[in-house]
Amino acid sequence: CAASGRTGSTYAVGWFRQAPGNERDFVATIRW
């Protein structure tokens, strides 16, 4: 996941996933 722009205001980056017919679910997160 490549970030650009105002990353100085980012506190965490997370990964979510969504299978067909499902909600977008949390996978993992990391502090920036």
Full PDB file with SEQRES, HELIX, SHEET, SSBOND, CRYST1, ORIGX, SCALE, CONECT and MASTER records, all heavy atoms in Angstrom:
SEQRES   1 A   32  CYS ALA ALA SER GLY ARG THR GLY SER THR TYR ALA VAL          
SEQRES   2 A   32  GLY TRP PHE ARG GLN ALA PRO GLY ASN GLU ARG ASP PHE          
SEQRES   3 A   32  VAL ALA THR ILE ARG TRP                                      
HELIX    1 AA1 THR A    7  SER A    9  5                                   3    
SHEET    1 AA1 2 ALA A  12  GLN A  18  0                                        
SHEET    2 AA1 2 ARG A  24  ARG A  31 -1                                        
CRYST1    1.000    1.000    1.000  90.00  90.00  90.00 P 1           1          
ORIGX1      1.000000  0.000000  0.000000        0.00000                         
ORIGX2      0.000000  1.000000  0.000000        0.00000                         
ORIGX3      0.000000  0.000000  1.000000        0.00000                         
SCALE1      1.000000  0.000000  0.000000        0.00000                         
SCALE2      0.000000  1.000000  0.000000        0.00000                         
SCALE3      0.000000  0.000000  1.000000        0.00000                         
ATOM      1  N   CYS A   1       0.867  -1.174   0.000  1.00  0.00           N  
ATOM      2  CA  CYS A   1       0.000   0.000   0.000  1.00  0.00           C  
ATOM      3  C   CYS A   1       0.905   1.226   0.000  1.00  0.00           C  
ATOM      4  O   CYS A   1       1.540   1.528   1.014  1.00  0.00           O  
ATOM      5  CB  CYS A   1      -0.908  -0.007   1.226  1.00  0.00           C  
ATOM      6  SG  CYS A   1      -1.879   1.502   1.444  1.00  0.00           S  
ATOM      7  N   ALA A   2       0.984   1.881  -1.136  1.00  0.00           N  
ATOM      8  CA  ALA A   2       1.836   3.060  -1.272  1.00  0.00           C  
ATOM      9  C   ALA A   2       1.013   4.308  -0.992  1.00  0.00           C  
ATOM     10  O   ALA A   2      -0.035   4.521  -1.628  1.00  0.00           O  
ATOM     11  CB  ALA A   2       2.429   3.113  -2.668  1.00  0.00           C  
ATOM     12  N   ALA A   3       1.489   5.122  -0.053  1.00  0.00           N  
ATOM     13  CA  ALA A   3       0.779   6.335   0.342  1.00  0.00           C  
ATOM     14  C   ALA A   3       1.499   7.556  -0.204  1.00  0.00           C  
ATOM     15  O   ALA A   3       2.727   7.605  -0.273  1.00  0.00           O  
ATOM     16  CB  ALA A   3       0.689   6.415   1.864  1.00  0.00           C  
ATOM     17  N   SER A   4       0.707   8.549  -0.573  1.00  0.00           N  
ATOM     18  CA  SER A   4       1.264   9.828  -1.020  1.00  0.00           C  
ATOM     19  C   SER A   4       0.332  10.939  -0.577  1.00  0.00           C  
ATOM     20  O   SER A   4      -0.795  10.703  -0.146  1.00  0.00           O  
ATOM     21  CB  SER A   4       1.452   9.843  -2.536  1.00  0.00           C  
ATOM     22  OG  SER A   4       0.214   9.661  -3.185  1.00  0.00           O  
ATOM     23  N   GLY A   5       0.819  12.176  -0.683  1.00  0.00           N  
ATOM     24  CA  GLY A   5       0.033  13.315  -0.246  1.00  0.00           C  
ATOM     25  C   GLY A   5       0.367  13.680   1.188  1.00  0.00           C  
ATOM     26  O   GLY A   5       1.516  13.596   1.603  1.00  0.00           O  
ATOM     27  N   ARG A   6      -0.633  14.051   1.954  1.00  0.00           N  
ATOM     28  CA  ARG A   6      -0.417  14.566   3.309  1.00  0.00           C  
ATOM     29  C   ARG A   6      -0.303  13.424   4.319  1.00  0.00           C  
ATOM     30  O   ARG A   6      -1.092  13.304   5.251  1.00  0.00           O  
ATOM     31  CB  ARG A   6      -1.544  15.519   3.688  1.00  0.00           C  
ATOM     32  CG  ARG A   6      -1.636  16.729   2.757  1.00  0.00           C  
ATOM     33  CD  ARG A   6      -2.718  17.690   3.191  1.00  0.00           C  
ATOM     34  NE  ARG A   6      -2.426  18.281   4.491  1.00  0.00           N  
ATOM     35  CZ  ARG A   6      -3.217  19.147   5.104  1.00  0.00           C  
ATOM     36  NH1 ARG A   6      -4.348  19.531   4.529  1.00  0.00           N  
ATOM     37  NH2 ARG A   6      -2.899  19.641   6.279  1.00  0.00           N  
ATOM     38  N   THR A   7       0.728  12.614   4.162  1.00  0.00           N  
ATOM     39  CA  THR A   7       0.905  11.480   5.076  1.00  0.00           C  
ATOM     40  C   THR A   7       1.326  11.918   6.472  1.00  0.00           C  
ATOM     41  O   THR A   7       1.277  11.130   7.411  1.00  0.00           O  
ATOM     42  CB  THR A   7       1.937  10.500   4.508  1.00  0.00           C  
ATOM     43  OG1 THR A   7       3.171  11.190   4.307  1.00  0.00           O  
ATOM     44  CG2 THR A   7       1.471   9.907   3.190  1.00  0.00           C  
ATOM     45  N   GLY A   8       1.736  13.162   6.604  1.00  0.00           N  
ATOM     46  CA  GLY A   8       2.117  13.657   7.923  1.00  0.00           C  
ATOM     47  C   GLY A   8       0.962  13.689   8.903  1.00  0.00           C  
ATOM     48  O   GLY A   8       1.169  13.732  10.118  1.00  0.00           O  
ATOM     49  N   SER A   9      -0.264  13.646   8.403  1.00  0.00           N  
ATOM     50  CA  SER A   9      -1.440  13.650   9.272  1.00  0.00           C  
ATOM     51  C   SER A   9      -2.018  12.247   9.443  1.00  0.00           C  
ATOM     52  O   SER A   9      -3.124  12.083   9.932  1.00  0.00           O  
ATOM     53  CB  SER A   9      -2.516  14.575   8.689  1.00  0.00           C  
ATOM     54  OG  SER A   9      -2.909  14.125   7.412  1.00  0.00           O  
ATOM     55  N   THR A  10      -1.252  11.230   9.048  1.00  0.00           N  
ATOM     56  CA  THR A  10      -1.703   9.851   9.168  1.00  0.00           C  
ATOM     57  C   THR A  10      -1.234   9.252  10.484  1.00  0.00           C  
ATOM     58  O   THR A  10      -0.056   9.362  10.829  1.00  0.00           O  
ATOM     59  CB  THR A  10      -1.167   9.010   7.993  1.00  0.00           C  
ATOM     60  OG1 THR A  10      -1.698   9.528   6.768  1.00  0.00           O  
ATOM     61  CG2 THR A  10      -1.568   7.549   8.133  1.00  0.00           C  
ATOM     62  N   TYR A  11      -2.144   8.608  11.197  1.00  0.00           N  
ATOM     63  CA  TYR A  11      -1.803   7.979  12.467  1.00  0.00           C  
ATOM     64  C   TYR A  11      -1.816   6.455  12.406  1.00  0.00           C  
ATOM     65  O   TYR A  11      -1.151   5.794  13.194  1.00  0.00           O  
ATOM     66  CB  TYR A  11      -2.745   8.451  13.566  1.00  0.00           C  
ATOM     67  CG  TYR A  11      -2.532   9.887  13.931  1.00  0.00           C  
ATOM     68  CD1 TYR A  11      -3.398  10.879  13.492  1.00  0.00           C  
ATOM     69  CD2 TYR A  11      -1.435  10.261  14.701  1.00  0.00           C  
ATOM     70  CE1 TYR A  11      -3.181  12.205  13.817  1.00  0.00           C  
ATOM     71  CE2 TYR A  11      -1.209  11.588  15.034  1.00  0.00           C  
ATOM     72  CZ  TYR A  11      -2.082  12.551  14.586  1.00  0.00           C  
ATOM     73  OH  TYR A  11      -1.862  13.864  14.899  1.00  0.00           O  
ATOM     74  N   ALA A  12      -2.562   5.906  11.459  1.00  0.00           N  
ATOM     75  CA  ALA A  12      -2.600   4.447  11.317  1.00  0.00           C  
ATOM     76  C   ALA A  12      -2.992   4.100   9.889  1.00  0.00           C  
ATOM     77  O   ALA A  12      -3.723   4.848   9.226  1.00  0.00           O  
ATOM     78  CB  ALA A  12      -3.591   3.816  12.287  1.00  0.00           C  
ATOM     79  N   VAL A  13      -2.504   2.962   9.436  1.00  0.00           N  
ATOM     80  CA  VAL A  13      -2.903   2.417   8.135  1.00  0.00           C  
ATOM     81  C   VAL A  13      -3.400   0.996   8.371  1.00  0.00           C  
ATOM     82  O   VAL A  13      -2.744   0.208   9.060  1.00  0.00           O  
ATOM     83  CB  VAL A  13      -1.736   2.417   7.137  1.00  0.00           C  
ATOM     84  CG1 VAL A  13      -2.133   1.687   5.850  1.00  0.00           C  
ATOM     85  CG2 VAL A  13      -1.320   3.845   6.811  1.00  0.00           C  
ATOM     86  N   GLY A  14      -4.552   0.712   7.826  1.00  0.00           N  
ATOM     87  CA  GLY A  14      -5.152  -0.591   8.025  1.00  0.00           C  
ATOM     88  C   GLY A  14      -5.412  -1.316   6.716  1.00  0.00           C  
ATOM     89  O   GLY A  14      -5.444  -0.694   5.640  1.00  0.00           O  
ATOM     90  N   TRP A  15      -5.579  -2.616   6.829  1.00  0.00           N  
ATOM     91  CA  TRP A  15      -6.019  -3.450   5.715  1.00  0.00           C  
ATOM     92  C   TRP A  15      -7.395  -4.031   6.047  1.00  0.00           C  
ATOM     93  O   TRP A  15      -7.618  -4.511   7.170  1.00  0.00           O  
ATOM     94  CB  TRP A  15      -5.039  -4.592   5.466  1.00  0.00           C  
ATOM     95  CG  TRP A  15      -3.768  -4.188   4.806  1.00  0.00           C  
ATOM     96  CD1 TRP A  15      -2.579  -3.899   5.420  1.00  0.00           C  
ATOM     97  CD2 TRP A  15      -3.540  -4.028   3.399  1.00  0.00           C  
ATOM     98  NE1 TRP A  15      -1.637  -3.565   4.477  1.00  0.00           N  
ATOM     99  CE2 TRP A  15      -2.200  -3.647   3.240  1.00  0.00           C  
ATOM    100  CE3 TRP A  15      -4.339  -4.189   2.262  1.00  0.00           C  
ATOM    101  CZ2 TRP A  15      -1.631  -3.408   1.979  1.00  0.00           C  
ATOM    102  CZ3 TRP A  15      -3.783  -3.956   1.021  1.00  0.00           C  
ATOM    103  CH2 TRP A  15      -2.453  -3.570   0.883  1.00  0.00           C  
ATOM    104  N   PHE A  16      -8.274  -3.963   5.076  1.00  0.00           N  
ATOM    105  CA  PHE A  16      -9.601  -4.546   5.176  1.00  0.00           C  
ATOM    106  C   PHE A  16      -9.789  -5.449   3.958  1.00  0.00           C  
ATOM    107  O   PHE A  16      -9.073  -5.320   2.959  1.00  0.00           O  
ATOM    108  CB  PHE A  16     -10.676  -3.461   5.192  1.00  0.00           C  
ATOM    109  CG  PHE A  16     -10.701  -2.658   6.464  1.00  0.00           C  
ATOM    110  CD1 PHE A  16      -9.732  -1.701   6.722  1.00  0.00           C  
ATOM    111  CD2 PHE A  16     -11.696  -2.861   7.410  1.00  0.00           C  
ATOM    112  CE1 PHE A  16      -9.746  -0.967   7.902  1.00  0.00           C  
ATOM    113  CE2 PHE A  16     -11.723  -2.136   8.587  1.00  0.00           C  
ATOM    114  CZ  PHE A  16     -10.747  -1.182   8.834  1.00  0.00           C  
ATOM    115  N   ARG A  17     -10.770  -6.333   4.021  1.00  0.00           N  
ATOM    116  CA  ARG A  17     -11.055  -7.173   2.866  1.00  0.00           C  
ATOM    117  C   ARG A  17     -12.558  -7.378   2.727  1.00  0.00           C  
ATOM    118  O   ARG A  17     -13.294  -7.341   3.710  1.00  0.00           O  
ATOM    119  CB  ARG A  17     -10.354  -8.528   2.980  1.00  0.00           C  
ATOM    120  CG  ARG A  17     -10.807  -9.414   4.134  1.00  0.00           C  
ATOM    121  CD  ARG A  17      -9.921 -10.638   4.222  1.00  0.00           C  
ATOM    122  NE  ARG A  17     -10.332 -11.540   5.292  1.00  0.00           N  
ATOM    123  CZ  ARG A  17      -9.656 -12.623   5.647  1.00  0.00           C  
ATOM    124  NH1 ARG A  17      -8.516 -12.940   5.010  1.00  0.00           N  
ATOM    125  NH2 ARG A  17     -10.101 -13.400   6.607  1.00  0.00           N  
ATOM    126  N   GLN A  18     -12.955  -7.577   1.470  1.00  0.00           N  
ATOM    127  CA  GLN A  18     -14.366  -7.748   1.183  1.00  0.00           C  
ATOM    128  C   GLN A  18     -14.555  -8.843   0.147  1.00  0.00           C  
ATOM    129  O   GLN A  18     -14.079  -8.735  -0.985  1.00  0.00           O  
ATOM    130  CB  GLN A  18     -14.969  -6.429   0.670  1.00  0.00           C  
ATOM    131  CG  GLN A  18     -16.461  -6.461   0.518  1.00  0.00           C  
ATOM    132  CD  GLN A  18     -17.042  -5.068   0.287  1.00  0.00           C  
ATOM    133  OE1 GLN A  18     -16.340  -4.128  -0.082  1.00  0.00           O  
ATOM    134  NE2 GLN A  18     -18.329  -4.920   0.552  1.00  0.00           N  
ATOM    135  N   ALA A  19     -15.236  -9.897   0.571  1.00  0.00           N  
ATOM    136  CA  ALA A  19     -15.602 -10.986  -0.332  1.00  0.00           C  
ATOM    137  C   ALA A  19     -16.986 -10.686  -0.910  1.00  0.00           C  
ATOM    138  O   ALA A  19     -17.760  -9.943  -0.300  1.00  0.00           O  
ATOM    139  CB  ALA A  19     -15.608 -12.309   0.418  1.00  0.00           C  
ATOM    140  N   PRO A  20     -17.308 -11.263  -2.065  1.00  0.00           N  
ATOM    141  CA  PRO A  20     -18.616 -10.991  -2.673  1.00  0.00           C  
ATOM    142  C   PRO A  20     -19.761 -11.297  -1.721  1.00  0.00           C  
ATOM    143  O   PRO A  20     -19.808 -12.364  -1.100  1.00  0.00           O  
ATOM    144  CB  PRO A  20     -18.632 -11.937  -3.880  1.00  0.00           C  
ATOM    145  CG  PRO A  20     -17.205 -12.122  -4.228  1.00  0.00           C  
ATOM    146  CD  PRO A  20     -16.466 -12.119  -2.916  1.00  0.00           C  
ATOM    147  N   GLY A  21     -20.677 -10.336  -1.584  1.00  0.00           N  
ATOM    148  CA  GLY A  21     -21.837 -10.512  -0.729  1.00  0.00           C  
ATOM    149  C   GLY A  21     -21.582 -10.282   0.742  1.00  0.00           C  
ATOM    150  O   GLY A  21     -22.495 -10.416   1.559  1.00  0.00           O  
ATOM    151  N   ASN A  22     -20.326  -9.956   1.087  1.00  0.00           N  
ATOM    152  CA  ASN A  22     -19.981  -9.749   2.498  1.00  0.00           C  
ATOM    153  C   ASN A  22     -19.677  -8.287   2.796  1.00  0.00           C  
ATOM    154  O   ASN A  22     -19.450  -7.483   1.894  1.00  0.00           O  
ATOM    155  CB  ASN A  22     -18.758 -10.593   2.864  1.00  0.00           C  
ATOM    156  CG  ASN A  22     -19.074 -12.069   2.934  1.00  0.00           C  
ATOM    157  OD1 ASN A  22     -20.209 -12.482   2.705  1.00  0.00           O  
ATOM    158  ND2 ASN A  22     -18.065 -12.868   3.232  1.00  0.00           N  
ATOM    159  N   GLU A  23     -19.627  -7.990   4.090  1.00  0.00           N  
ATOM    160  CA  GLU A  23     -19.190  -6.675   4.533  1.00  0.00           C  
ATOM    161  C   GLU A  23     -17.680  -6.539   4.330  1.00  0.00           C  
ATOM    162  O   GLU A  23     -16.965  -7.537   4.173  1.00  0.00           O  
ATOM    163  CB  GLU A  23     -19.508  -6.505   6.021  1.00  0.00           C  
ATOM    164  CG  GLU A  23     -20.986  -6.555   6.375  1.00  0.00           C  
ATOM    165  CD  GLU A  23     -21.672  -5.266   5.999  1.00  0.00           C  
ATOM    166  OE1 GLU A  23     -21.057  -4.191   6.141  1.00  0.00           O  
ATOM    167  OE2 GLU A  23     -22.835  -5.326   5.552  1.00  0.00           O  
ATOM    168  N   ARG A  24     -17.210  -5.318   4.378  1.00  0.00           N  
ATOM    169  CA  ARG A  24     -15.767  -5.066   4.335  1.00  0.00           C  
ATOM    170  C   ARG A  24     -15.236  -5.240   5.750  1.00  0.00           C  
ATOM    171  O   ARG A  24     -15.582  -4.478   6.651  1.00  0.00           O  
ATOM    172  CB  ARG A  24     -15.478  -3.665   3.811  1.00  0.00           C  
ATOM    173  CG  ARG A  24     -14.008  -3.425   3.493  1.00  0.00           C  
ATOM    174  CD  ARG A  24     -13.801  -2.094   2.793  1.00  0.00           C  
ATOM    175  NE  ARG A  24     -14.458  -2.063   1.489  1.00  0.00           N  
ATOM    176  CZ  ARG A  24     -14.299  -1.075   0.613  1.00  0.00           C  
ATOM    177  NH1 ARG A  24     -13.493  -0.052   0.901  1.00  0.00           N  
ATOM    178  NH2 ARG A  24     -14.935  -1.094  -0.542  1.00  0.00           N  
ATOM    179  N   ASP A  25     -14.419  -6.256   5.942  1.00  0.00           N  
ATOM    180  CA  ASP A  25     -13.976  -6.652   7.276  1.00  0.00           C  
ATOM    181  C   ASP A  25     -12.542  -6.229   7.569  1.00  0.00           C  
ATOM    182  O   ASP A  25     -11.676  -6.231   6.688  1.00  0.00           O  
ATOM    183  CB  ASP A  25     -14.056  -8.177   7.431  1.00  0.00           C  
ATOM    184  CG  ASP A  25     -15.482  -8.687   7.395  1.00  0.00           C  
ATOM    185  OD1 ASP A  25     -16.391  -7.956   7.837  1.00  0.00           O  
ATOM    186  OD2 ASP A  25     -15.679  -9.824   6.921  1.00  0.00           O  
ATOM    187  N   PHE A  26     -12.293  -5.957   8.816  1.00  0.00           N  
ATOM    188  CA  PHE A  26     -10.958  -5.593   9.282  1.00  0.00           C  
ATOM    189  C   PHE A  26     -10.014  -6.789   9.195  1.00  0.00           C  
ATOM    190  O   PHE A  26     -10.398  -7.927   9.513  1.00  0.00           O  
ATOM    191  CB  PHE A  26     -11.050  -5.114  10.734  1.00  0.00           C  
ATOM    192  CG  PHE A  26      -9.718  -4.950  11.412  1.00  0.00           C  
ATOM    193  CD1 PHE A  26      -8.917  -3.854  11.131  1.00  0.00           C  
ATOM    194  CD2 PHE A  26      -9.269  -5.886  12.319  1.00  0.00           C  
ATOM    195  CE1 PHE A  26      -7.689  -3.701  11.741  1.00  0.00           C  
ATOM    196  CE2 PHE A  26      -8.052  -5.740  12.959  1.00  0.00           C  
ATOM    197  CZ  PHE A  26      -7.256  -4.642  12.661  1.00  0.00           C  
ATOM    198  N   VAL A  27      -8.772  -6.518   8.781  1.00  0.00           N  
ATOM    199  CA  VAL A  27      -7.743  -7.548   8.716  1.00  0.00           C  
ATOM    200  C   VAL A  27      -6.593  -7.229   9.678  1.00  0.00           C  
ATOM    201  O   VAL A  27      -6.248  -8.039  10.532  1.00  0.00           O  
ATOM    202  CB  VAL A  27      -7.198  -7.700   7.281  1.00  0.00           C  
ATOM    203  CG1 VAL A  27      -6.048  -8.698   7.244  1.00  0.00           C  
ATOM    204  CG2 VAL A  27      -8.297  -8.113   6.325  1.00  0.00           C  
ATOM    205  N   ALA A  28      -6.010  -6.056   9.531  1.00  0.00           N  
ATOM    206  CA  ALA A  28      -4.853  -5.679  10.349  1.00  0.00           C  
ATOM    207  C   ALA A  28      -4.658  -4.178  10.265  1.00  0.00           C  
ATOM    208  O   ALA A  28      -5.099  -3.533   9.314  1.00  0.00           O  
ATOM    209  CB  ALA A  28      -3.592  -6.398   9.872  1.00  0.00           C  
ATOM    210  N   THR A  29      -3.969  -3.631  11.269  1.00  0.00           N  
ATOM    211  CA  THR A  29      -3.652  -2.214  11.265  1.00  0.00           C  
ATOM    212  C   THR A  29      -2.295  -1.991  11.915  1.00  0.00           C  
ATOM    213  O   THR A  29      -1.841  -2.812  12.731  1.00  0.00           O  
ATOM    214  CB  THR A  29      -4.740  -1.396  11.995  1.00  0.00           C  
ATOM    215  OG1 THR A  29      -4.520   0.004  11.782  1.00  0.00           O  
ATOM    216  CG2 THR A  29      -4.732  -1.683  13.485  1.00  0.00           C  
ATOM    217  N   ILE A  30      -1.652  -0.900  11.543  1.00  0.00           N  
ATOM    218  CA  ILE A  30      -0.346  -0.566  12.091  1.00  0.00           C  
ATOM    219  C   ILE A  30      -0.271   0.937  12.288  1.00  0.00           C  
ATOM    220  O   ILE A  30      -0.790   1.708  11.472  1.00  0.00           O  
ATOM    221  CB  ILE A  30       0.789  -1.069  11.167  1.00  0.00           C  
ATOM    222  CG1 ILE A  30       2.153  -0.938  11.842  1.00  0.00           C  
ATOM    223  CG2 ILE A  30       0.782  -0.348   9.822  1.00  0.00           C  
ATOM    224  CD1 ILE A  30       3.260  -1.707  11.124  1.00  0.00           C  
ATOM    225  N   ARG A  31       0.346   1.335  13.371  1.00  0.00           N  
ATOM    226  CA  ARG A  31       0.554   2.755  13.600  1.00  0.00           C  
ATOM    227  C   ARG A  31       1.562   3.280  12.581  1.00  0.00           C  
ATOM    228  O   ARG A  31       2.511   2.590  12.229  1.00  0.00           O  
ATOM    229  CB  ARG A  31       1.055   3.006  15.015  1.00  0.00           C  
ATOM    230  CG  ARG A  31       0.029   2.702  16.077  1.00  0.00           C  
ATOM    231  CD  ARG A  31       0.414   3.309  17.409  1.00  0.00           C  
ATOM    232  NE  ARG A  31      -0.497   2.953  18.465  1.00  0.00           N  
ATOM    233  CZ  ARG A  31      -1.638   3.604  18.713  1.00  0.00           C  
ATOM    234  NH1 ARG A  31      -1.992   4.607  17.952  1.00  0.00           N  
ATOM    235  NH2 ARG A  31      -2.408   3.218  19.722  1.00  0.00           N  
ATOM    236  N   TRP A  32       1.348   4.521  12.143  1.00  0.00           N  
ATOM    237  CA  TRP A  32       2.198   5.057  11.083  1.00  0.00           C  
ATOM    238  C   TRP A  32       3.563   5.466  11.601  1.00  0.00           C  
ATOM    239  O   TRP A  32       4.577   5.229  10.962  1.00  0.00           O  
ATOM    240  CB  TRP A  32       1.493   6.249  10.440  1.00  0.00           C  
ATOM    241  CG  TRP A  32       2.205   6.833   9.265  1.00  0.00           C  
ATOM    242  CD1 TRP A  32       2.802   8.053   9.187  1.00  0.00           C  
ATOM    243  CD2 TRP A  32       2.414   6.205   7.995  1.00  0.00           C  
ATOM    244  NE1 TRP A  32       3.352   8.225   7.941  1.00  0.00           N  
ATOM    245  CE2 TRP A  32       3.131   7.114   7.196  1.00  0.00           C  
ATOM    246  CE3 TRP A  32       2.064   4.971   7.451  1.00  0.00           C  
ATOM    247  CZ2 TRP A  32       3.493   6.827   5.883  1.00  0.00           C  
ATOM    248  CZ3 TRP A  32       2.435   4.686   6.149  1.00  0.00           C  
ATOM    249  CH2 TRP A  32       3.143   5.600   5.377  1.00  0.00           C  
TER     250      TRP A  32                                                      
MASTER        0    0    0    1    2    0    0    6  249    1    0    3          
END                                                                             
